[in-house]
């Protein structure tokens, strides 16, 4: 199952491997030619796929849990998922190399 243990292990591994390339994209896109920028933009956008698998698995696991709405840990988990999703969306915006160059030292990237 994609949302089972093996699927989450592969999703985590994919996030780690793609993360190294994403780091290179954010560090070195200023002096690259168009083909290299396109490659790093594509790889950075691809990291959204395993991240989405993990978020769907977390929401599925949370919906099948027996936590009450007044339980503080539930609100911590929901807040984490929301902030993780927001970070993923900003990561997809920054996967475009031209946006990354324009916004590189702004609060959008730093925060």
C-alpha atoms as a PDB file:
ATOM      1  CA  UNK A   1       0.000   0.000   0.000  1.00  0.00           C
ATOM      2  CA  UNK A   2       1.266   3.444  -0.861  1.00  0.00           C
ATOM      3  CA  UNK A   3       0.162   4.806   2.515  1.00  0.00           C
ATOM      4  CA  UNK A   4       1.567   1.853   4.469  1.00  0.00           C
ATOM      5  CA  UNK A   5       4.923   1.499   6.184  1.00  0.00           C
ATOM      6  CA  UNK A   6       6.892   0.720   3.013  1.00  0.00           C
ATOM      7  CA  UNK A   7       5.331   3.632   1.137  1.00  0.00           C
ATOM      8  CA  UNK A   8       6.254   6.064   3.889  1.00  0.00           C
ATOM      9  CA  UNK A   9       9.809   4.715   4.054  1.00  0.00           C
ATOM     10  CA  UNK A  10      10.218   5.224   0.309  1.00  0.00           C
ATOM     11  CA  UNK A  11       8.624   8.688   0.534  1.00  0.00           C
ATOM     12  CA  UNK A  12      11.040   9.661   3.320  1.00  0.00           C
ATOM     13  CA  UNK A  13      13.992   8.338   1.334  1.00  0.00           C
ATOM     14  CA  UNK A  14      12.869  10.242  -1.770  1.00  0.00           C
ATOM     15  CA  UNK A  15      12.546  13.457   0.251  1.00  0.00           C
ATOM     16  CA  UNK A  16      16.095  13.032   1.592  1.00  0.00           C
ATOM     17  CA  UNK A  17      17.627  12.273  -1.808  1.00  0.00           C
ATOM     18  CA  UNK A  18      15.770  15.065  -3.578  1.00  0.00           C
ATOM     19  CA  UNK A  19      16.545  17.405  -0.679  1.00  0.00           C
ATOM     20  CA  UNK A  20      20.240  17.345  -1.512  1.00  0.00           C
ATOM     21  CA  UNK A  21      19.478  18.446  -5.059  1.00  0.00           C
ATOM     22  CA  UNK A  22      17.009  21.069  -3.823  1.00  0.00           C
ATOM     23  CA  UNK A  23      19.686  22.487  -1.531  1.00  0.00           C
ATOM     24  CA  UNK A  24      22.012  22.799  -4.520  1.00  0.00           C
ATOM     25  CA  UNK A  25      19.229  24.521  -6.449  1.00  0.00           C
ATOM     26  CA  UNK A  26      18.766  27.177  -3.778  1.00  0.00           C
ATOM     27  CA  UNK A  27      22.489  27.746  -3.343  1.00  0.00           C
ATOM     28  CA  UNK A  28      23.777  27.897  -6.887  1.00  0.00           C
ATOM     29  CA  UNK A  29      21.043  28.910  -9.357  1.00  0.00           C
ATOM     30  CA  UNK A  30      22.303  32.454  -9.896  1.00  0.00           C
ATOM     31  CA  UNK A  31      25.202  31.605 -12.225  1.00  0.00           C
ATOM     32  CA  UNK A  32      23.708  28.602 -14.037  1.00  0.00           C
ATOM     33  CA  UNK A  33      22.661  28.358 -17.637  1.00  0.00           C
ATOM     34  CA  UNK A  34      19.034  27.842 -18.661  1.00  0.00           C
ATOM     35  CA  UNK A  35      19.225  24.040 -18.971  1.00  0.00           C
ATOM     36  CA  UNK A  36      20.671  23.619 -15.485  1.00  0.00           C
ATOM     37  CA  UNK A  37      18.075  25.972 -14.022  1.00  0.00           C
ATOM     38  CA  UNK A  38      15.326  23.972 -15.725  1.00  0.00           C
ATOM     39  CA  UNK A  39      16.728  20.717 -14.341  1.00  0.00           C
ATOM     40  CA  UNK A  40      16.911  22.001 -10.777  1.00  0.00           C
ATOM     41  CA  UNK A  41      13.459  23.580 -11.045  1.00  0.00           C
ATOM     42  CA  UNK A  42      11.993  20.248 -12.137  1.00  0.00           C
ATOM     43  CA  UNK A  43      13.715  18.278  -9.390  1.00  0.00           C
ATOM     44  CA  UNK A  44      12.624  20.808  -6.786  1.00  0.00           C
ATOM     45  CA  UNK A  45       9.020  20.535  -7.957  1.00  0.00           C
ATOM     46  CA  UNK A  46       9.257  16.728  -7.883  1.00  0.00           C
ATOM     47  CA  UNK A  47       9.949  16.755  -4.149  1.00  0.00           C
ATOM     48  CA  UNK A  48       6.304  17.729  -3.720  1.00  0.00           C
ATOM     49  CA  UNK A  49       5.180  14.218  -4.711  1.00  0.00           C
ATOM     50  CA  UNK A  50       6.663  12.229  -1.784  1.00  0.00           C
ATOM     51  CA  UNK A  51       5.873  15.125   0.526  1.00  0.00           C
ATOM     52  CA  UNK A  52       2.249  14.949  -0.559  1.00  0.00           C
ATOM     53  CA  UNK A  53       2.222  11.197   0.086  1.00  0.00           C
ATOM     54  CA  UNK A  54       3.434  11.800   3.632  1.00  0.00           C
ATOM     55  CA  UNK A  55       0.853  14.523   4.289  1.00  0.00           C
ATOM     56  CA  UNK A  56      -1.975  12.333   2.968  1.00  0.00           C
ATOM     57  CA  UNK A  57      -0.762   9.467   5.162  1.00  0.00           C
ATOM     58  CA  UNK A  58      -0.620  11.730   8.221  1.00  0.00           C
ATOM     59  CA  UNK A  59      -4.144  13.047   7.615  1.00  0.00           C
ATOM     60  CA  UNK A  60      -5.412   9.507   7.015  1.00  0.00           C
ATOM     61  CA  UNK A  61      -3.777   8.284  10.209  1.00  0.00           C
ATOM     62  CA  UNK A  62      -5.170  11.258  12.110  1.00  0.00           C
ATOM     63  CA  UNK A  63      -8.704  10.699  10.811  1.00  0.00           C
ATOM     64  CA  UNK A  64      -8.590   7.073  11.970  1.00  0.00           C
ATOM     65  CA  UNK A  65      -7.328   7.942  15.452  1.00  0.00           C
ATOM     66  CA  UNK A  66      -9.478   8.201  18.540  1.00  0.00           C
ATOM     67  CA  UNK A  67      -8.309  11.601  19.716  1.00  0.00           C
ATOM     68  CA  UNK A  68     -10.929  13.988  21.023  1.00  0.00           C
ATOM     69  CA  UNK A  69     -11.121  17.545  19.749  1.00  0.00           C
ATOM     70  CA  UNK A  70     -10.168  18.897  23.149  1.00  0.00           C
ATOM     71  CA  UNK A  71      -6.929  16.910  23.261  1.00  0.00           C
ATOM     72  CA  UNK A  72      -3.941  19.331  23.013  1.00  0.00           C
ATOM     73  CA  UNK A  73      -1.808  16.850  21.060  1.00  0.00           C
ATOM     74  CA  UNK A  74      -4.436  16.823  18.302  1.00  0.00           C
ATOM     75  CA  UNK A  75      -4.100  20.570  17.821  1.00  0.00           C
ATOM     76  CA  UNK A  76      -0.308  20.317  17.847  1.00  0.00           C
ATOM     77  CA  UNK A  77      -0.455  17.637  15.123  1.00  0.00           C
ATOM     78  CA  UNK A  78      -2.957  19.597  13.024  1.00  0.00           C
ATOM     79  CA  UNK A  79      -0.844  22.762  13.366  1.00  0.00           C
ATOM     80  CA  UNK A  80       2.261  20.841  12.295  1.00  0.00           C
ATOM     81  CA  UNK A  81       0.485  19.433   9.225  1.00  0.00           C
ATOM     82  CA  UNK A  82      -0.832  22.886   8.258  1.00  0.00           C
ATOM     83  CA  UNK A  83       2.590  24.528   8.629  1.00  0.00           C
ATOM     84  CA  UNK A  84       4.289  21.621   6.826  1.00  0.00           C
ATOM     85  CA  UNK A  85       1.812  22.040   3.960  1.00  0.00           C
ATOM     86  CA  UNK A  86       2.371  25.805   3.874  1.00  0.00           C
ATOM     87  CA  UNK A  87       6.120  25.231   3.699  1.00  0.00           C
ATOM     88  CA  UNK A  88       5.598  22.776   0.851  1.00  0.00           C
ATOM     89  CA  UNK A  89       3.523  25.286  -1.075  1.00  0.00           C
ATOM     90  CA  UNK A  90       6.185  27.969  -0.685  1.00  0.00           C
ATOM     91  CA  UNK A  91       8.750  25.383  -1.783  1.00  0.00           C
ATOM     92  CA  UNK A  92       6.767  24.761  -4.957  1.00  0.00           C
ATOM     93  CA  UNK A  93       6.624  28.497  -5.627  1.00  0.00           C
ATOM     94  CA  UNK A  94      10.395  28.708  -5.179  1.00  0.00           C
ATOM     95  CA  UNK A  95      10.986  25.697  -7.428  1.00  0.00           C
ATOM     96  CA  UNK A  96      10.767  28.138 -10.308  1.00  0.00           C
ATOM     97  CA  UNK A  97      14.355  29.327 -10.685  1.00  0.00           C
ATOM     98  CA  UNK A  98      13.424  32.854 -11.695  1.00  0.00           C
ATOM     99  CA  UNK A  99      11.236  33.246  -8.588  1.00  0.00           C
ATOM    100  CA  UNK A 100      14.038  31.822  -6.450  1.00  0.00           C
ATOM    101  CA  UNK A 101      16.524  34.369  -7.787  1.00  0.00           C
ATOM    102  CA  UNK A 102      14.097  37.272  -7.273  1.00  0.00           C
ATOM    103  CA  UNK A 103      13.040  36.200  -3.762  1.00  0.00           C
ATOM    104  CA  UNK A 104      16.319  34.610  -2.624  1.00  0.00           C
ATOM    105  CA  UNK A 105      17.138  36.890   0.318  1.00  0.00           C
ATOM    106  CA  UNK A 106      13.585  37.901   1.156  1.00  0.00           C
ATOM    107  CA  UNK A 107      11.481  36.914   4.146  1.00  0.00           C
ATOM    108  CA  UNK A 108       9.560  34.598   1.830  1.00  0.00           C
ATOM    109  CA  UNK A 109      12.597  32.314   1.551  1.00  0.00           C
ATOM    110  CA  UNK A 110      14.121  32.843   4.984  1.00  0.00           C
ATOM    111  CA  UNK A 111      10.937  32.240   6.973  1.00  0.00           C
END
